[in-house]
Protein backbone atom coordinates (compact mmCIF):
# COMPACT_ATOMS: atom_id res chain seq x y z
CA UNK A 1 -23.53 -33.36 -16.76
CA UNK A 2 -21.42 -31.53 -19.34
CA UNK A 3 -23.01 -29.07 -21.69
CA UNK A 4 -21.53 -28.90 -25.18
CA UNK A 5 -19.73 -25.69 -24.22
CA UNK A 6 -18.23 -27.36 -21.17
CA UNK A 7 -16.96 -30.25 -23.28
CA UNK A 8 -15.38 -27.78 -25.67
CA UNK A 9 -13.83 -25.90 -22.79
CA UNK A 10 -12.04 -29.02 -21.63
CA UNK A 11 -10.24 -29.40 -24.94
CA UNK A 12 -9.80 -25.77 -25.96
CA UNK A 13 -6.74 -23.57 -25.62
CA UNK A 14 -8.68 -21.29 -23.30
CA UNK A 15 -9.48 -24.00 -20.76
CA UNK A 16 -6.87 -22.33 -18.56
CA UNK A 17 -9.23 -19.49 -17.72
CA UNK A 18 -12.64 -21.15 -17.94
CA UNK A 19 -12.70 -21.95 -14.27
CA UNK A 20 -16.46 -21.57 -14.31
CA UNK A 21 -17.38 -24.17 -16.87
CA UNK A 22 -16.57 -27.64 -15.62
CA UNK A 23 -19.29 -30.04 -14.47
CA UNK A 24 -21.71 -29.49 -11.63
CA UNK A 25 -20.48 -27.24 -8.95
CA UNK A 26 -17.80 -25.83 -11.12
CA UNK A 27 -16.30 -22.43 -11.07
CA UNK A 28 -12.86 -22.99 -9.43
CA UNK A 29 -11.98 -24.93 -6.34
CA UNK A 30 -9.04 -24.84 -3.97
CA UNK A 31 -6.34 -27.50 -4.33
CA UNK A 32 -4.66 -28.39 -1.02
CA UNK A 33 -6.41 -25.64 0.92
CA UNK A 34 -7.90 -25.51 4.41
CA UNK A 35 -11.53 -25.34 5.57
CA UNK A 36 -12.72 -21.74 5.75
CA UNK A 37 -14.35 -20.55 8.96
CA UNK A 38 -15.90 -17.30 7.72
CA UNK A 39 -18.66 -17.15 5.05
CA UNK A 40 -16.97 -14.33 3.15
CA UNK A 41 -17.54 -15.79 -0.34
CA UNK A 42 -20.89 -15.72 -2.15
CA UNK A 43 -21.96 -18.82 -4.09
CA UNK A 44 -23.39 -17.74 -7.44
CA UNK A 45 -25.59 -20.48 -8.83
CA UNK A 46 -27.47 -21.76 -11.84
CA UNK A 47 -30.80 -23.56 -11.43
CA UNK A 48 -32.07 -26.24 -13.81
CA UNK A 49 -35.24 -28.25 -13.24
CA UNK A 50 -35.34 -26.92 -9.71
CA UNK A 51 -31.81 -28.11 -8.88
CA UNK A 52 -29.15 -25.54 -8.00
CA UNK A 53 -25.46 -25.86 -8.89
CA UNK A 54 -22.61 -23.72 -7.63
CA UNK A 55 -20.99 -22.04 -10.62
CA UNK A 56 -18.78 -19.18 -9.42
CA UNK A 57 -17.73 -17.33 -6.32
CA UNK A 58 -18.31 -13.67 -5.65
CA UNK A 59 -18.04 -10.93 -3.03
CA UNK A 60 -20.96 -8.96 -1.58
CA UNK A 61 -19.80 -5.35 -1.96
CA UNK A 62 -23.21 -3.73 -1.37
CA UNK A 63 -26.35 -5.26 0.18
CA UNK A 64 -27.73 -6.12 -3.27
CA UNK A 65 -24.58 -6.26 -5.45
CA UNK A 66 -22.05 -9.08 -5.92
CA UNK A 67 -18.66 -8.65 -7.63
CA UNK A 68 -17.48 -11.65 -9.69
CA UNK A 69 -15.58 -12.51 -12.90
CA UNK A 70 -16.81 -11.51 -16.36
CA UNK A 71 -16.32 -15.01 -17.73
CA UNK A 72 -18.80 -16.22 -15.08
CA UNK A 73 -21.59 -14.01 -16.46
CA UNK A 74 -23.38 -16.65 -18.59
CA UNK A 75 -23.58 -19.10 -15.69
CA UNK A 76 -24.62 -17.00 -12.68
CA UNK A 77 -27.99 -15.68 -13.80
CA UNK A 78 -30.32 -17.46 -11.37
CA UNK A 79 -29.52 -17.09 -7.67
CA UNK A 80 -26.93 -16.52 -4.95
CA UNK A 81 -26.39 -18.07 -1.54
CA UNK A 82 -24.84 -15.70 0.98
CA UNK A 83 -23.64 -15.95 4.57
CA UNK A 84 -22.82 -19.66 4.59
CA UNK A 85 -19.64 -21.74 4.41
CA UNK A 86 -21.60 -24.42 2.53
CA UNK A 87 -22.85 -23.65 -0.95
CA UNK A 88 -25.98 -25.81 -0.73
CA UNK A 89 -27.31 -25.04 2.77
CA UNK A 90 -27.43 -22.29 5.38
CA UNK A 91 -27.30 -18.54 5.00
CA UNK A 92 -29.85 -16.97 2.69
CA UNK A 93 -30.73 -17.58 -0.96
CA UNK A 94 -31.67 -14.59 -3.13
CA UNK A 95 -32.66 -14.55 -6.78
CA UNK A 96 -30.70 -12.51 -9.32
CA UNK A 97 -32.65 -9.38 -10.26
CA UNK A 98 -34.06 -8.78 -13.74
CA UNK A 99 -33.44 -5.66 -15.77
CA UNK A 100 -35.96 -3.57 -17.71
CA UNK A 101 -35.89 -6.14 -20.54
CA UNK A 102 -36.53 -8.99 -18.08
CA UNK A 103 -33.00 -10.27 -18.52
CA UNK A 104 -30.73 -11.25 -15.61
CA UNK A 105 -29.12 -8.14 -14.11
CA UNK A 106 -25.55 -9.30 -14.71
CA UNK A 107 -23.20 -6.62 -16.02
CA UNK A 108 -19.78 -7.66 -17.25
CA UNK A 109 -16.99 -5.30 -18.14
CA UNK A 110 -17.33 -4.91 -21.94
CA UNK A 111 -13.55 -4.55 -22.20
CA UNK A 112 -13.14 -8.24 -21.26
CA UNK A 113 -12.39 -10.26 -24.41
CA UNK A 114 -10.68 -13.58 -23.72
CA UNK A 115 -10.84 -14.57 -27.40
CA UNK A 116 -9.01 -11.59 -28.87
CA UNK A 117 -7.59 -9.70 -25.91
CA UNK A 118 -6.31 -12.09 -23.27
CA UNK A 119 -7.72 -12.40 -19.77
CA UNK A 120 -7.77 -8.72 -18.84
CA UNK A 121 -10.72 -6.77 -17.37
CA UNK A 122 -12.30 -10.00 -16.13
CA UNK A 123 -14.92 -8.45 -13.84
CA UNK A 124 -18.72 -8.45 -13.58
CA UNK A 125 -21.40 -7.17 -11.24
CA UNK A 126 -24.53 -9.13 -10.31
CA UNK A 127 -27.56 -7.25 -8.91
CA UNK A 128 -29.67 -9.22 -6.44
CA UNK A 129 -33.47 -9.14 -6.28
CA UNK A 130 -33.36 -7.65 -2.77
CA UNK A 131 -30.76 -6.41 -0.29
CA UNK A 132 -29.19 -8.94 2.05
CA UNK A 133 -28.44 -7.93 5.63
CA UNK A 134 -26.28 -10.02 7.92
CA UNK A 135 -24.01 -11.60 5.29
CA UNK A 136 -20.40 -10.33 5.24
CA UNK A 137 -20.24 -7.03 3.34
CA UNK A 138 -16.71 -6.52 2.02
CA UNK A 139 -15.07 -3.24 1.03
CA UNK A 140 -13.07 -3.12 -2.17
CA UNK A 141 -9.65 -1.57 -2.48
CA UNK A 142 -6.35 -1.14 -4.27
CA UNK A 143 -4.00 -4.16 -4.15
CA UNK A 144 -0.90 -4.01 -2.02
CA UNK A 145 2.60 -4.06 -3.40
CA UNK A 146 4.31 -7.20 -4.66
CA UNK A 147 4.87 -9.57 -1.75
CA UNK A 148 1.64 -8.62 0.04
CA UNK A 149 -0.09 -11.69 1.48
CA UNK A 150 -3.77 -12.33 0.81
CA UNK A 151 -6.31 -15.13 0.82
CA UNK A 152 -8.64 -16.90 -1.61
CA UNK A 153 -11.73 -18.80 -0.50
CA UNK A 154 -13.90 -20.79 -2.90
CA UNK A 155 -15.85 -23.91 -3.72
CA UNK A 156 -15.21 -26.43 -6.48
CA UNK A 157 -12.86 -29.24 -7.32
CA UNK A 158 -10.12 -30.22 -4.91
CA UNK A 159 -8.58 -32.74 -7.31
CA UNK A 160 -6.76 -32.06 -10.55
CA UNK A 161 -4.72 -35.26 -10.86
CA UNK A 162 -6.77 -37.08 -13.50
CA UNK A 163 -9.56 -35.45 -15.49
CA UNK A 164 -10.61 -38.86 -16.84
CA UNK A 165 -11.29 -40.12 -13.31
CA UNK A 166 -14.98 -39.57 -12.35
CA UNK A 167 -14.06 -39.38 -8.66
CA UNK A 168 -11.56 -36.59 -9.35
CA UNK A 169 -14.05 -34.76 -11.55
CA UNK A 170 -16.64 -34.97 -8.77
CA UNK A 171 -14.33 -33.56 -6.12
CA UNK A 172 -16.15 -30.25 -5.62
CA UNK A 173 -16.59 -29.80 -1.86
CA UNK A 174 -19.76 -28.65 -0.17
CA UNK A 175 -17.72 -26.64 2.34
CA UNK A 176 -15.78 -23.49 1.55
CA UNK A 177 -12.00 -23.90 1.31
CA UNK A 178 -9.33 -21.25 1.54
CA UNK A 179 -5.68 -20.81 0.67
CA UNK A 180 -3.12 -18.15 1.69
CA UNK A 181 -1.58 -16.50 -1.37
CA UNK A 182 0.71 -13.57 -2.11
CA UNK A 183 1.35 -11.14 -4.91
CA UNK A 184 4.45 -11.59 -7.04
CA UNK A 185 5.84 -9.79 -10.06
CA UNK A 186 3.26 -9.66 -12.86
CA UNK A 187 5.64 -11.16 -15.42
CA UNK A 188 5.67 -14.38 -13.37
CA UNK A 189 2.25 -15.11 -14.91
CA UNK A 190 3.23 -14.43 -18.51
CA UNK A 191 1.52 -17.01 -20.72
CA UNK A 192 1.49 -17.12 -24.52
CA UNK A 193 -1.36 -18.78 -26.41
CA UNK A 194 0.32 -21.02 -29.02
CA UNK A 195 -2.25 -20.72 -31.79
CA UNK A 196 -1.86 -16.95 -32.23
CA UNK A 197 0.94 -15.77 -29.94
CA UNK A 198 -1.45 -13.79 -27.73
CA UNK A 199 -0.10 -12.79 -24.31
CA UNK A 200 -2.90 -13.82 -21.93
CA UNK A 201 -1.51 -11.93 -18.93
CA UNK A 202 -2.56 -8.27 -18.86
CA UNK A 203 -0.46 -6.50 -16.20
CA UNK A 204 -2.62 -3.38 -16.50
CA UNK A 205 -5.69 -5.18 -15.13
CA UNK A 206 -4.38 -8.42 -13.58
CA UNK A 207 -2.12 -9.43 -10.71
CA UNK A 208 -0.07 -12.61 -10.40
CA UNK A 209 -0.37 -14.59 -7.16
CA UNK A 210 1.23 -17.76 -5.78
CA UNK A 211 0.64 -19.87 -2.69
CA UNK A 212 2.07 -17.90 0.22
CA UNK A 213 3.45 -20.73 2.35
CA UNK A 214 5.08 -22.81 -0.38
CA UNK A 215 2.66 -25.75 -0.38
CA UNK A 216 1.76 -27.31 -3.73
CA UNK A 217 -1.69 -25.97 -4.42
CA UNK A 218 -3.72 -23.25 -6.05
CA UNK A 219 -7.12 -22.25 -7.35
CA UNK A 220 -8.87 -24.57 -9.77
CA UNK A 221 -12.09 -25.09 -11.71
CA UNK A 222 -14.75 -23.65 -9.42
CA UNK A 223 -13.05 -20.66 -7.76
CA UNK A 224 -13.61 -18.23 -10.63
CA UNK A 225 -15.02 -14.96 -9.40
CA UNK A 226 -14.11 -15.66 -5.79
CA UNK A 227 -12.62 -12.73 -3.90
CA UNK A 228 -8.90 -12.35 -3.36
CA UNK A 229 -8.68 -10.48 -0.06
CA UNK A 230 -5.97 -8.69 1.88
CA UNK A 231 -6.00 -7.52 5.49
CA UNK A 232 -5.38 -3.81 5.78
CA UNK A 233 -4.72 -1.69 8.85
CA UNK A 234 -6.84 1.46 8.89
CA UNK A 235 -7.71 4.04 11.53
CA UNK A 236 -10.76 1.88 12.26
CA UNK A 237 -8.63 -1.23 12.86
CA UNK A 238 -7.78 -4.17 10.63
CA UNK A 239 -10.14 -4.58 7.66
CA UNK A 240 -10.48 -7.41 5.13
CA UNK A 241 -10.51 -5.82 1.66
CA UNK A 242 -11.32 -7.34 -1.74
CA UNK A 243 -8.40 -6.41 -3.97
CA UNK A 244 -8.74 -9.13 -6.60
CA UNK A 245 -11.16 -11.44 -8.41
CA UNK A 246 -10.02 -14.99 -9.16
CA UNK A 247 -9.45 -15.03 -12.89
CA UNK A 248 -7.39 -17.97 -14.17
CA UNK A 249 -4.61 -20.47 -13.73
CA UNK A 250 -1.44 -19.57 -15.62
CA UNK A 251 0.45 -22.88 -15.85
CA UNK A 252 -0.38 -23.73 -19.45
CA UNK A 253 -2.96 -23.37 -22.20
CA UNK A 254 -4.17 -26.98 -22.37
CA UNK A 255 -5.90 -29.13 -19.80
CA UNK A 256 -3.42 -31.57 -18.24
CA UNK A 257 -2.98 -33.40 -14.93
CA UNK A 258 -2.09 -31.11 -12.03
CA UNK A 259 -2.80 -28.01 -14.12
CA UNK A 260 -4.18 -26.23 -11.03
CA UNK A 261 -1.43 -27.10 -8.58
CA UNK A 262 1.67 -28.30 -10.34
CA UNK A 263 5.10 -26.80 -10.01
CA UNK A 264 6.56 -26.72 -13.52
CA UNK A 265 10.28 -27.50 -13.73
CA UNK A 266 12.21 -24.80 -11.90
CA UNK A 267 9.05 -22.72 -11.58
CA UNK A 268 6.14 -22.17 -9.18
CA UNK A 269 2.43 -22.65 -9.59
CA UNK A 270 0.94 -19.40 -10.95
CA UNK A 271 -2.57 -18.00 -10.66
CA UNK A 272 -4.05 -14.69 -11.80
CA UNK A 273 -6.59 -12.35 -10.24
CA UNK A 274 -8.26 -9.30 -11.71
CA UNK A 275 -6.90 -6.13 -10.12
CA UNK A 276 -9.96 -4.50 -8.53
CA UNK A 277 -8.24 -1.11 -8.57
CA UNK A 278 -8.13 -1.26 -12.37
CA UNK A 279 -11.90 -1.82 -12.52
CA UNK A 280 -13.10 1.15 -10.45
CA UNK A 281 -14.18 3.42 -13.31
CA UNK A 282 -16.28 0.68 -14.93
CA UNK A 283 -17.60 -0.52 -11.57
CA UNK A 284 -18.84 2.88 -10.47
CA UNK A 285 -20.33 3.58 -13.90
CA UNK A 286 -22.48 0.46 -13.51
CA UNK A 287 -23.47 1.21 -9.94
CA UNK A 288 -24.29 4.87 -10.60
CA UNK A 289 -26.49 3.80 -13.51
CA UNK A 290 -28.29 0.89 -11.88
CA UNK A 291 -27.86 1.42 -8.13
CA UNK A 292 -26.88 4.95 -7.04
CA UNK A 293 -27.36 4.22 -3.34
CA UNK A 294 -25.09 1.18 -3.64
CA UNK A 295 -22.51 3.29 -5.46
CA UNK A 296 -22.37 5.71 -2.55
CA UNK A 297 -22.00 2.91 -0.03
CA UNK A 298 -19.22 1.22 -1.98
CA UNK A 299 -17.46 4.56 -2.40
CA UNK A 300 -17.72 5.30 1.32
CA UNK A 301 -16.09 1.93 2.15
CA UNK A 302 -13.41 2.13 -0.56
CA UNK A 303 -9.90 1.48 0.77
CA UNK A 304 -7.61 3.55 -1.41
CA UNK A 305 -4.32 2.17 -0.22
CA UNK A 306 -3.23 -1.18 1.17
CA UNK A 307 0.39 -0.23 1.77
């Protein structure tokens, strides 16, 4: 069921980035992806009247810390399911921790301001009630150069053809889907908000990505916060590194059919991810304040170059 905010999001000029606020199971889903085989994405969930809903994806970067998108923060304050390719079964479910004021321990980058400052700095950290062992623990790192191939895996809608069609709106899959993507020049994602001329793409803190193999597809409402990963060769072998956080779709500022997957005339479908490298100072400030042991572990696993 829609909340009032979700209804507003569907008709607002910022619907392009609110991948976390469509109906049940929404945060951003994969259009025309493939079933994922590894449970690398965390399902961050809300719970109402005892019923859980997937809201956003995330990445477990320390045993009790999940990295996600800042615009997910209001919706991911209850629990997380980790170590499963299905968001509603398997793996382990852990509650979100509470802070000293008994509020959910969800810390978003205060520099994120989608109303006045575009989509930049869209990152948040969620502290879990207890450490989780056995679920995939992913290192974070600096994104590779333009042209580097990566991968997005998330839950949510797989249909964006008709937002008035209940079947399309209820297309969020139970199973995790993935899509190969690659970095392209940041200006490819330039997007101006008509009402005030604001440039929504922030090249200092965002990267532009497109589907790597040319298929018509992309992230959609339900993949927000999901990790964008790249495979990196290190002296320890090949490592999967989180270099981005799914942020928004960059095809337009109003909801319209095929907004998540369309190929505009003479253009390609464009998606944006938060550049994890640009978030390191804020990220370590949070961890050092609220989880010093986690900060050390994340620092020890940090991949400083992806070539």
